[in-house]
Amino acid sequence: MKLNKTIYMNRINTLLGPMLSVSSEKYVYFCEFEDTPRREDKLLELKRLLDADIVEGENSINKKLREQMELYFSGSLFRFTIPIKLIGTDFQKKVWKELVDIAYGETISYKELASRVGNKKAYRAVGNANGANIIPIIVPCHRVINSNGNIGGFSAGVYRKKWLLEHERKIKRSGHVRR
């Protein structure tokens, strides 16, 4: 996928810290917390894969993403509608597409997610795909936990995963979630 153009990086302040988003006028390609490990490497790889320059600035997609993030963190948005472009292997994209279908406030196990993508023994590969997700929250990898109920990992920090899960459960319990 070659864009041969400029895409824009913008900061989004959230309750869990600032996030950086990268988008064109059509899609969000990247949205991670600023302090996520290997963020710079991921941005360089994105730049290479898209053959695009990444510059600081805002566009209509980044603005819409900021608005949706604000609604999500305030408990008013339960499913993102912003257009995203998944960049990864076919297997990763298959996993990420399944993640989007996990209901707000719900969790599934890595093993269950592996079954949903057609290989119940591929739970480690599913975990690796989750770790490679560069659009967390929008592609809600935080909703996947260990089969024993333990929270599992999260590239942006387990404390953030715990917060996101509790935030969604609290809103869901309040009865405000509409599908």
N, C-alpha and C. Protein backbone atom coordinates (compact mmCIF):
# COMPACT_ATOMS: atom_id res chain seq x y z
N MET A 1 0.85 -1.16 0.00
CA MET A 1 0.00 0.00 0.00
C MET A 1 0.90 1.23 0.00
N LYS A 2 0.91 1.96 -1.07
CA LYS A 2 1.76 3.14 -1.21
C LYS A 2 0.89 4.37 -1.37
N LEU A 3 1.06 5.32 -0.47
CA LEU A 3 0.28 6.56 -0.54
C LEU A 3 1.02 7.67 -1.27
N ASN A 4 2.37 7.68 -1.15
CA ASN A 4 3.17 8.75 -1.75
C ASN A 4 2.63 10.12 -1.40
N LYS A 5 2.32 10.32 -0.13
CA LYS A 5 1.80 11.62 0.28
C LYS A 5 2.06 11.84 1.76
N THR A 6 1.48 12.89 2.24
CA THR A 6 1.64 13.27 3.64
C THR A 6 0.44 12.78 4.44
N ILE A 7 0.74 12.21 5.61
CA ILE A 7 -0.30 11.88 6.57
C ILE A 7 0.00 12.64 7.85
N TYR A 8 -1.02 12.84 8.65
CA TYR A 8 -0.91 13.77 9.78
C TYR A 8 -0.95 13.06 11.12
N MET A 9 -0.07 13.52 12.01
CA MET A 9 0.00 13.03 13.37
C MET A 9 -0.50 14.12 14.30
N ASN A 10 -1.34 13.72 15.23
CA ASN A 10 -1.96 14.67 16.13
C ASN A 10 -2.04 14.07 17.53
N ARG A 11 -2.01 14.90 18.54
CA ARG A 11 -2.11 14.45 19.93
C ARG A 11 -3.57 14.52 20.37
N ILE A 12 -3.96 13.48 21.10
CA ILE A 12 -5.29 13.44 21.71
C ILE A 12 -5.09 13.22 23.20
N ASN A 13 -5.52 14.16 24.01
CA ASN A 13 -5.41 14.02 25.45
C ASN A 13 -6.58 13.19 25.97
N THR A 14 -6.26 12.18 26.79
CA THR A 14 -7.30 11.32 27.36
C THR A 14 -7.10 11.23 28.86
N LEU A 15 -8.05 10.62 29.53
CA LEU A 15 -7.95 10.40 30.97
C LEU A 15 -6.78 9.49 31.34
N LEU A 16 -6.30 8.70 30.40
CA LEU A 16 -5.20 7.77 30.65
C LEU A 16 -3.88 8.25 30.08
N GLY A 17 -3.84 9.50 29.66
CA GLY A 17 -2.61 10.06 29.10
C GLY A 17 -2.78 10.38 27.63
N PRO A 18 -1.82 11.13 27.10
CA PRO A 18 -1.92 11.53 25.69
C PRO A 18 -1.71 10.36 24.74
N MET A 19 -2.47 10.41 23.65
CA MET A 19 -2.33 9.44 22.57
C MET A 19 -1.90 10.19 21.32
N LEU A 20 -1.23 9.48 20.44
CA LEU A 20 -0.88 10.04 19.13
C LEU A 20 -1.70 9.31 18.08
N SER A 21 -2.31 10.08 17.20
CA SER A 21 -3.05 9.48 16.08
C SER A 21 -2.38 9.88 14.78
N VAL A 22 -2.41 8.98 13.82
CA VAL A 22 -1.88 9.24 12.49
C VAL A 22 -2.99 8.87 11.51
N SER A 23 -3.31 9.83 10.63
CA SER A 23 -4.39 9.58 9.68
C SER A 23 -4.18 10.35 8.39
N SER A 24 -4.85 9.85 7.36
CA SER A 24 -4.99 10.57 6.10
C SER A 24 -6.36 11.24 6.15
N GLU A 25 -6.80 11.78 5.05
CA GLU A 25 -8.15 12.34 5.00
C GLU A 25 -9.21 11.24 4.92
N LYS A 26 -8.77 9.98 4.77
CA LYS A 26 -9.72 8.87 4.66
C LYS A 26 -9.75 7.95 5.87
N TYR A 27 -8.57 7.67 6.46
CA TYR A 27 -8.47 6.61 7.46
C TYR A 27 -7.58 7.00 8.63
N VAL A 28 -7.86 6.36 9.77
CA VAL A 28 -6.92 6.34 10.89
C VAL A 28 -6.05 5.10 10.68
N TYR A 29 -4.74 5.30 10.78
CA TYR A 29 -3.78 4.20 10.62
C TYR A 29 -3.15 3.79 11.95
N PHE A 30 -3.15 4.72 12.90
CA PHE A 30 -2.37 4.53 14.13
C PHE A 30 -3.02 5.39 15.21
N CYS A 31 -3.17 4.84 16.40
CA CYS A 31 -3.62 5.64 17.55
C CYS A 31 -3.19 4.91 18.81
N GLU A 32 -2.07 5.33 19.37
CA GLU A 32 -1.51 4.68 20.56
C GLU A 32 -1.14 5.73 21.59
N PHE A 33 -1.01 5.29 22.83
CA PHE A 33 -0.54 6.18 23.88
C PHE A 33 0.90 6.58 23.60
N GLU A 34 1.21 7.82 23.93
CA GLU A 34 2.55 8.35 23.64
C GLU A 34 3.67 7.52 24.25
N ASP A 35 3.42 6.94 25.42
CA ASP A 35 4.48 6.21 26.11
C ASP A 35 4.48 4.71 25.83
N THR A 36 3.75 4.28 24.82
CA THR A 36 3.74 2.87 24.44
C THR A 36 5.13 2.45 23.97
N PRO A 37 5.64 1.33 24.46
CA PRO A 37 6.97 0.88 24.02
C PRO A 37 7.05 0.72 22.50
N ARG A 38 8.19 1.08 21.95
CA ARG A 38 8.50 0.94 20.53
C ARG A 38 7.62 1.81 19.63
N ARG A 39 7.01 2.84 20.19
CA ARG A 39 6.13 3.71 19.40
C ARG A 39 6.86 4.29 18.19
N GLU A 40 8.08 4.78 18.40
CA GLU A 40 8.83 5.38 17.29
C GLU A 40 9.13 4.36 16.19
N ASP A 41 9.48 3.13 16.59
CA ASP A 41 9.71 2.07 15.59
C ASP A 41 8.45 1.79 14.79
N LYS A 42 7.31 1.76 15.47
CA LYS A 42 6.04 1.51 14.79
C LYS A 42 5.72 2.63 13.81
N LEU A 43 5.99 3.86 14.20
CA LEU A 43 5.73 4.99 13.30
C LEU A 43 6.64 4.95 12.08
N LEU A 44 7.90 4.59 12.28
CA LEU A 44 8.82 4.47 11.14
C LEU A 44 8.38 3.36 10.19
N GLU A 45 7.93 2.25 10.75
CA GLU A 45 7.44 1.15 9.92
C GLU A 45 6.17 1.56 9.16
N LEU A 46 5.29 2.29 9.82
CA LEU A 46 4.08 2.79 9.16
C LEU A 46 4.44 3.72 8.00
N LYS A 47 5.37 4.61 8.26
CA LYS A 47 5.83 5.54 7.22
C LYS A 47 6.39 4.76 6.02
N ARG A 48 7.16 3.72 6.30
CA ARG A 48 7.75 2.91 5.23
C ARG A 48 6.67 2.16 4.45
N LEU A 49 5.75 1.53 5.16
CA LEU A 49 4.71 0.74 4.50
C LEU A 49 3.77 1.60 3.65
N LEU A 50 3.48 2.80 4.13
CA LEU A 50 2.57 3.68 3.39
C LEU A 50 3.30 4.57 2.39
N ASP A 51 4.63 4.57 2.46
CA ASP A 51 5.43 5.46 1.63
C ASP A 51 4.91 6.89 1.73
N ALA A 52 4.78 7.32 2.99
CA ALA A 52 4.20 8.64 3.26
C ALA A 52 5.05 9.38 4.27
N ASP A 53 5.01 10.68 4.19
CA ASP A 53 5.63 11.51 5.21
C ASP A 53 4.62 11.71 6.33
N ILE A 54 5.07 11.59 7.57
CA ILE A 54 4.21 11.85 8.72
C ILE A 54 4.62 13.20 9.29
N VAL A 55 3.67 14.13 9.31
CA VAL A 55 3.94 15.47 9.83
C VAL A 55 2.91 15.80 10.91
N GLU A 56 3.30 16.66 11.84
CA GLU A 56 2.35 17.10 12.86
C GLU A 56 1.32 18.00 12.21
N GLY A 57 0.08 17.79 12.59
CA GLY A 57 -1.00 18.61 12.06
C GLY A 57 -2.32 17.90 12.23
N GLU A 58 -3.38 18.64 11.98
CA GLU A 58 -4.71 18.08 12.15
C GLU A 58 -5.42 18.03 10.80
N ASN A 59 -6.24 17.03 10.64
CA ASN A 59 -7.11 16.94 9.48
C ASN A 59 -8.50 16.54 9.98
N SER A 60 -9.44 16.37 9.07
CA SER A 60 -10.82 16.10 9.48
C SER A 60 -10.96 14.76 10.20
N ILE A 61 -10.18 13.76 9.79
CA ILE A 61 -10.27 12.45 10.44
C ILE A 61 -9.70 12.53 11.87
N ASN A 62 -8.57 13.19 12.05
CA ASN A 62 -8.01 13.34 13.40
C ASN A 62 -8.98 14.10 14.30
N LYS A 63 -9.63 15.11 13.75
CA LYS A 63 -10.60 15.88 14.54
C LYS A 63 -11.78 15.00 14.95
N LYS A 64 -12.28 14.20 14.01
CA LYS A 64 -13.39 13.29 14.32
C LYS A 64 -12.96 12.24 15.34
N LEU A 65 -11.73 11.75 15.22
CA LEU A 65 -11.22 10.77 16.18
C LEU A 65 -11.14 11.38 17.57
N ARG A 66 -10.65 12.60 17.67
CA ARG A 66 -10.58 13.27 18.97
C ARG A 66 -11.98 13.36 19.60
N GLU A 67 -12.95 13.73 18.80
CA GLU A 67 -14.33 13.84 19.30
C GLU A 67 -14.84 12.48 19.78
N GLN A 68 -14.58 11.43 19.01
CA GLN A 68 -15.04 10.10 19.41
C GLN A 68 -14.31 9.60 20.66
N MET A 69 -13.02 9.89 20.78
CA MET A 69 -12.29 9.51 22.00
C MET A 69 -12.87 10.21 23.22
N GLU A 70 -13.18 11.49 23.07
CA GLU A 70 -13.78 12.23 24.19
C GLU A 70 -15.11 11.59 24.60
N LEU A 71 -15.92 11.22 23.62
CA LEU A 71 -17.20 10.56 23.91
C LEU A 71 -16.98 9.19 24.56
N TYR A 72 -16.00 8.43 24.07
CA TYR A 72 -15.71 7.13 24.66
C TYR A 72 -15.31 7.28 26.13
N PHE A 73 -14.38 8.17 26.40
CA PHE A 73 -13.90 8.32 27.77
C PHE A 73 -14.95 8.93 28.70
N SER A 74 -15.93 9.64 28.15
CA SER A 74 -17.01 10.18 28.98
C SER A 74 -18.13 9.16 29.17
N GLY A 75 -18.02 8.01 28.52
CA GLY A 75 -19.03 6.96 28.67
C GLY A 75 -20.21 7.11 27.73
N SER A 76 -20.04 7.88 26.65
CA SER A 76 -21.15 8.13 25.72
C SER A 76 -20.98 7.46 24.36
N LEU A 77 -19.85 6.83 24.11
CA LEU A 77 -19.61 6.16 22.82
C LEU A 77 -19.25 4.71 23.10
N PHE A 78 -19.95 3.80 22.45
CA PHE A 78 -19.79 2.38 22.73
C PHE A 78 -19.19 1.60 21.56
N ARG A 79 -19.15 2.24 20.41
CA ARG A 79 -18.54 1.64 19.21
C ARG A 79 -18.05 2.77 18.33
N PHE A 80 -16.78 2.72 17.98
CA PHE A 80 -16.20 3.76 17.13
C PHE A 80 -16.70 3.59 15.70
N THR A 81 -16.96 4.73 15.06
CA THR A 81 -17.42 4.71 13.67
C THR A 81 -16.40 5.34 12.73
N ILE A 82 -15.29 5.76 13.27
CA ILE A 82 -14.23 6.39 12.47
C ILE A 82 -13.67 5.36 11.49
N PRO A 83 -13.41 5.72 10.24
CA PRO A 83 -12.82 4.75 9.31
C PRO A 83 -11.36 4.45 9.65
N ILE A 84 -11.04 3.17 9.72
CA ILE A 84 -9.67 2.75 10.03
C ILE A 84 -9.14 1.90 8.89
N LYS A 85 -7.83 1.86 8.79
CA LYS A 85 -7.16 0.99 7.82
C LYS A 85 -6.23 0.08 8.61
N LEU A 86 -6.50 -1.21 8.57
CA LEU A 86 -5.69 -2.18 9.29
C LEU A 86 -4.48 -2.54 8.45
N ILE A 87 -3.30 -2.42 9.05
CA ILE A 87 -2.06 -2.73 8.36
C ILE A 87 -1.35 -3.84 9.13
N GLY A 88 -1.26 -5.00 8.53
CA GLY A 88 -0.63 -6.14 9.17
C GLY A 88 -0.73 -7.36 8.27
N THR A 89 -0.40 -8.51 8.83
CA THR A 89 -0.53 -9.76 8.07
C THR A 89 -2.01 -10.11 7.93
N ASP A 90 -2.30 -11.05 7.05
CA ASP A 90 -3.69 -11.49 6.89
C ASP A 90 -4.24 -12.03 8.21
N PHE A 91 -3.42 -12.80 8.94
CA PHE A 91 -3.87 -13.34 10.22
C PHE A 91 -4.15 -12.22 11.22
N GLN A 92 -3.24 -11.25 11.32
CA GLN A 92 -3.46 -10.14 12.24
C GLN A 92 -4.75 -9.40 11.91
N LYS A 93 -4.97 -9.12 10.64
CA LYS A 93 -6.19 -8.41 10.24
C LYS A 93 -7.44 -9.21 10.59
N LYS A 94 -7.36 -10.52 10.44
CA LYS A 94 -8.49 -11.38 10.79
C LYS A 94 -8.79 -11.27 12.29
N VAL A 95 -7.74 -11.31 13.10
CA VAL A 95 -7.90 -11.16 14.56
C VAL A 95 -8.48 -9.79 14.88
N TRP A 96 -7.92 -8.74 14.30
CA TRP A 96 -8.37 -7.38 14.62
C TRP A 96 -9.82 -7.16 14.21
N LYS A 97 -10.24 -7.75 13.10
CA LYS A 97 -11.64 -7.62 12.68
C LYS A 97 -12.57 -8.29 13.69
N GLU A 98 -12.13 -9.40 14.27
CA GLU A 98 -12.92 -10.07 15.32
C GLU A 98 -12.98 -9.21 16.58
N LEU A 99 -11.89 -8.53 16.90
CA LEU A 99 -11.87 -7.70 18.10
C LEU A 99 -12.96 -6.63 18.06
N VAL A 100 -13.17 -6.06 16.89
CA VAL A 100 -14.16 -4.99 16.75
C VAL A 100 -15.57 -5.50 17.08
N ASP A 101 -15.79 -6.80 16.95
CA ASP A 101 -17.11 -7.37 17.22
C ASP A 101 -17.33 -7.76 18.69
N ILE A 102 -16.32 -7.61 19.53
CA ILE A 102 -16.51 -7.89 20.95
C ILE A 102 -17.30 -6.73 21.54
N ALA A 103 -18.41 -7.04 22.16
CA ALA A 103 -19.31 -6.00 22.67
C ALA A 103 -18.65 -5.15 23.76
N TYR A 104 -19.02 -3.90 23.78
CA TYR A 104 -18.59 -2.95 24.81
C TYR A 104 -18.92 -3.53 26.18
N GLY A 105 -17.96 -3.51 27.08
CA GLY A 105 -18.17 -3.99 28.43
C GLY A 105 -18.06 -5.50 28.58
N GLU A 106 -17.78 -6.21 27.50
CA GLU A 106 -17.64 -7.66 27.53
C GLU A 106 -16.17 -8.04 27.36
N THR A 107 -15.84 -9.26 27.77
CA THR A 107 -14.49 -9.79 27.52
C THR A 107 -14.62 -11.20 26.98
N ILE A 108 -13.59 -11.61 26.25
CA ILE A 108 -13.46 -13.00 25.83
C ILE A 108 -12.02 -13.42 26.10
N SER A 109 -11.78 -14.71 26.06
CA SER A 109 -10.42 -15.21 26.29
C SER A 109 -9.65 -15.24 24.97
N TYR A 110 -8.33 -15.28 25.10
CA TYR A 110 -7.48 -15.45 23.92
C TYR A 110 -7.85 -16.73 23.19
N LYS A 111 -8.17 -17.78 23.96
CA LYS A 111 -8.54 -19.06 23.37
C LYS A 111 -9.84 -18.94 22.58
N GLU A 112 -10.83 -18.24 23.14
CA GLU A 112 -12.09 -18.03 22.43
C GLU A 112 -11.86 -17.22 21.15
N LEU A 113 -11.02 -16.20 21.24
CA LEU A 113 -10.71 -15.40 20.05
C LEU A 113 -10.03 -16.26 18.99
N ALA A 114 -9.14 -17.14 19.42
CA ALA A 114 -8.48 -18.05 18.48
C ALA A 114 -9.52 -18.94 17.79
N SER A 115 -10.50 -19.43 18.54
CA SER A 115 -11.58 -20.23 17.93
C SER A 115 -12.36 -19.42 16.92
N ARG A 116 -12.63 -18.17 17.24
CA ARG A 116 -13.40 -17.31 16.34
C ARG A 116 -12.67 -17.05 15.02
N VAL A 117 -11.34 -17.08 15.06
CA VAL A 117 -10.59 -16.86 13.81
C VAL A 117 -10.23 -18.19 13.13
N GLY A 118 -10.74 -19.30 13.67
CA GLY A 118 -10.62 -20.56 12.98
C GLY A 118 -9.54 -21.52 13.43
N ASN A 119 -8.86 -21.21 14.55
CA ASN A 119 -7.82 -22.13 15.03
C ASN A 119 -7.72 -22.02 16.54
N LYS A 120 -8.46 -22.87 17.25
CA LYS A 120 -8.53 -22.76 18.70
C LYS A 120 -7.18 -22.94 19.40
N LYS A 121 -6.20 -23.52 18.71
CA LYS A 121 -4.88 -23.70 19.31
C LYS A 121 -3.96 -22.49 19.09
N ALA A 122 -4.42 -21.51 18.35
CA ALA A 122 -3.57 -20.35 17.99
C ALA A 122 -3.69 -19.20 18.99
N TYR A 123 -3.97 -19.51 20.26
CA TYR A 123 -4.17 -18.43 21.23
C TYR A 123 -2.91 -17.60 21.47
N ARG A 124 -1.73 -18.20 21.34
CA ARG A 124 -0.50 -17.40 21.47
C ARG A 124 -0.34 -16.46 20.29
N ALA A 125 -0.64 -16.95 19.10
CA ALA A 125 -0.57 -16.11 17.90
C ALA A 125 -1.59 -14.98 17.99
N VAL A 126 -2.76 -15.27 18.56
CA VAL A 126 -3.78 -14.24 18.78
C VAL A 126 -3.24 -13.18 19.75
N GLY A 127 -2.58 -13.63 20.81
CA GLY A 127 -1.97 -12.69 21.76
C GLY A 127 -0.93 -11.81 21.09
N ASN A 128 -0.12 -12.41 20.22
CA ASN A 128 0.88 -11.63 19.48
C ASN A 128 0.22 -10.63 18.54
N ALA A 129 -0.87 -11.04 17.90
CA ALA A 129 -1.60 -10.11 17.01
C ALA A 129 -2.16 -8.95 17.82
N ASN A 130 -2.69 -9.24 19.01
CA ASN A 130 -3.18 -8.17 19.87
C ASN A 130 -2.06 -7.20 20.21
N GLY A 131 -0.88 -7.74 20.52
CA GLY A 131 0.26 -6.90 20.86
C GLY A 131 0.74 -6.05 19.70
N ALA A 132 0.45 -6.48 18.47
CA ALA A 132 0.86 -5.72 17.28
C ALA A 132 -0.20 -4.71 16.84
N ASN A 133 -1.33 -4.68 17.52
CA ASN A 133 -2.43 -3.76 17.18
C ASN A 133 -1.99 -2.32 17.44
N ILE A 134 -1.96 -1.49 16.40
CA ILE A 134 -1.53 -0.10 16.56
C ILE A 134 -2.73 0.86 16.61
N ILE A 135 -3.92 0.29 16.81
CA ILE A 135 -5.12 1.12 16.98
C ILE A 135 -5.91 0.62 18.19
N PRO A 136 -5.24 0.47 19.37
CA PRO A 136 -5.98 -0.02 20.53
C PRO A 136 -7.09 0.96 20.93
N ILE A 137 -8.03 0.49 21.66
CA ILE A 137 -9.28 1.13 22.06
C ILE A 137 -10.26 1.08 20.89
N ILE A 138 -9.89 1.61 19.73
CA ILE A 138 -10.77 1.56 18.56
C ILE A 138 -10.91 0.11 18.11
N VAL A 139 -9.80 -0.59 18.03
CA VAL A 139 -9.78 -2.04 17.81
C VAL A 139 -9.50 -2.62 19.20
N PRO A 140 -10.56 -2.98 19.95
CA PRO A 140 -10.47 -3.15 21.40
C PRO A 140 -9.80 -4.44 21.89
N CYS A 141 -8.49 -4.51 21.72
CA CYS A 141 -7.73 -5.67 22.18
C CYS A 141 -7.75 -5.77 23.71
N HIS A 142 -8.10 -4.67 24.39
CA HIS A 142 -8.17 -4.71 25.86
C HIS A 142 -9.30 -5.62 26.35
N ARG A 143 -10.21 -6.00 25.49
CA ARG A 143 -11.34 -6.85 25.87
C ARG A 143 -11.01 -8.34 25.84
N VAL A 144 -9.75 -8.67 25.60
CA VAL A 144 -9.32 -10.07 25.57
C VAL A 144 -8.49 -10.36 26.81
N ILE A 145 -8.89 -11.41 27.54
CA ILE A 145 -8.23 -11.77 28.79
C ILE A 145 -7.84 -13.24 28.76
N ASN A 146 -7.09 -13.67 29.77
CA ASN A 146 -6.69 -15.07 29.88
C ASN A 146 -7.90 -15.95 30.19
N SER A 147 -7.82 -17.22 29.83
CA SER A 147 -8.91 -18.17 30.09
C SER A 147 -9.21 -18.32 31.57
N ASN A 148 -8.20 -18.13 32.42
CA ASN A 148 -8.39 -18.27 33.86
C ASN A 148 -8.97 -17.00 34.50
N GLY A 149 -9.29 -16.01 33.69
CA GLY A 149 -9.86 -14.77 34.21
C GLY A 149 -8.85 -13.69 34.51
N ASN A 150 -7.56 -14.03 34.52
CA ASN A 150 -6.54 -13.00 34.72
C ASN A 150 -6.55 -12.05 33.53
N ILE A 151 -6.14 -10.83 33.79
CA ILE A 151 -6.28 -9.77 32.80
C ILE A 151 -5.39 -9.93 31.57
N GLY A 152 -4.24 -10.55 31.69
CA GLY A 152 -3.33 -10.68 30.54
C GLY A 152 -2.56 -9.40 30.32
N GLY A 153 -1.94 -9.29 29.17
CA GLY A 153 -1.09 -8.14 28.87
C GLY A 153 -1.81 -7.06 28.08
N PHE A 154 -1.10 -5.95 27.90
CA PHE A 154 -1.60 -4.82 27.11
C PHE A 154 -0.40 -3.95 26.77
N SER A 155 -0.22 -3.67 25.50
CA SER A 155 0.98 -2.95 25.07
C SER A 155 1.12 -1.58 25.72
N ALA A 156 0.01 -0.97 26.07
CA ALA A 156 0.05 0.37 26.68
C ALA A 156 0.10 0.31 28.20
N GLY A 157 0.20 -0.88 28.77
CA GLY A 157 0.28 -1.03 30.21
C GLY A 157 -0.96 -1.70 30.78
N VAL A 158 -0.75 -2.68 31.64
CA VAL A 158 -1.86 -3.42 32.24
C VAL A 158 -2.76 -2.50 33.05
N TYR A 159 -2.20 -1.46 33.69
CA TYR A 159 -3.04 -0.54 34.47
C TYR A 159 -4.06 0.15 33.57
N ARG A 160 -3.69 0.43 32.33
CA ARG A 160 -4.64 1.03 31.40
C ARG A 160 -5.71 0.01 30.99
N LYS A 161 -5.30 -1.22 30.76
CA LYS A 161 -6.27 -2.26 30.40
C LYS A 161 -7.29 -2.43 31.52
N LYS A 162 -6.82 -2.49 32.76
CA LYS A 162 -7.74 -2.60 33.90
C LYS A 162 -8.71 -1.43 33.94
N TRP A 163 -8.19 -0.23 33.74
CA TRP A 163 -9.03 0.96 33.77
C TRP A 163 -10.09 0.90 32.66
N LEU A 164 -9.68 0.57 31.44
CA LEU A 164 -10.60 0.50 30.30
C LEU A 164 -11.71 -0.52 30.55
N LEU A 165 -11.34 -1.70 31.05
CA LEU A 165 -12.34 -2.73 31.31
C LEU A 165 -13.31 -2.29 32.40
N GLU A 166 -12.79 -1.72 33.47
CA GLU A 166 -13.66 -1.25 34.55
C GLU A 166 -14.56 -0.10 34.09
N HIS A 167 -14.01 0.81 33.33
CA HIS A 167 -14.78 1.93 32.77
C HIS A 167 -15.97 1.40 31.96
N GLU A 168 -15.70 0.45 31.07
CA GLU A 168 -16.77 -0.10 30.23
C GLU A 168 -17.79 -0.89 31.06
N ARG A 169 -17.33 -1.66 32.03
CA ARG A 169 -18.26 -2.42 32.88
C ARG A 169 -19.16 -1.49 33.68
N LYS A 170 -18.56 -0.42 34.20
CA LYS A 170 -19.33 0.54 34.99
C LYS A 170 -20.42 1.19 34.14
N ILE A 171 -20.07 1.62 32.95
CA ILE A 171 -21.05 2.25 32.06
C ILE A 171 -22.12 1.23 31.66
N LYS A 172 -21.70 0.01 31.36
CA LYS A 172 -22.66 -1.03 30.97
C LYS A 172 -23.63 -1.33 32.11
N ARG A 173 -23.10 -1.45 33.35
CA ARG A 173 -23.95 -1.72 34.51
C ARG A 173 -24.95 -0.60 34.75
N SER A 174 -24.58 0.62 34.36
CA SER A 174 -25.47 1.76 34.58
C SER A 174 -26.67 1.72 33.63
N GLY A 175 -26.61 0.85 32.62
CA GLY A 175 -27.72 0.71 31.69
C GLY A 175 -27.71 1.69 30.54
N HIS A 176 -26.61 2.40 30.35
CA HIS A 176 -26.55 3.42 29.30
C HIS A 176 -26.04 2.90 27.96
N VAL A 177 -25.64 1.65 27.89
CA VAL A 177 -25.07 1.13 26.64
C VAL A 177 -26.19 0.74 25.69
N ARG A 178 -26.11 1.29 24.48
CA ARG A 178 -27.04 0.94 23.40
C ARG A 178 -26.22 0.29 22.30
N ARG A 179 -26.74 -0.75 21.69
CA ARG A 179 -26.02 -1.42 20.58
C ARG A 179 -26.54 -0.96 19.26
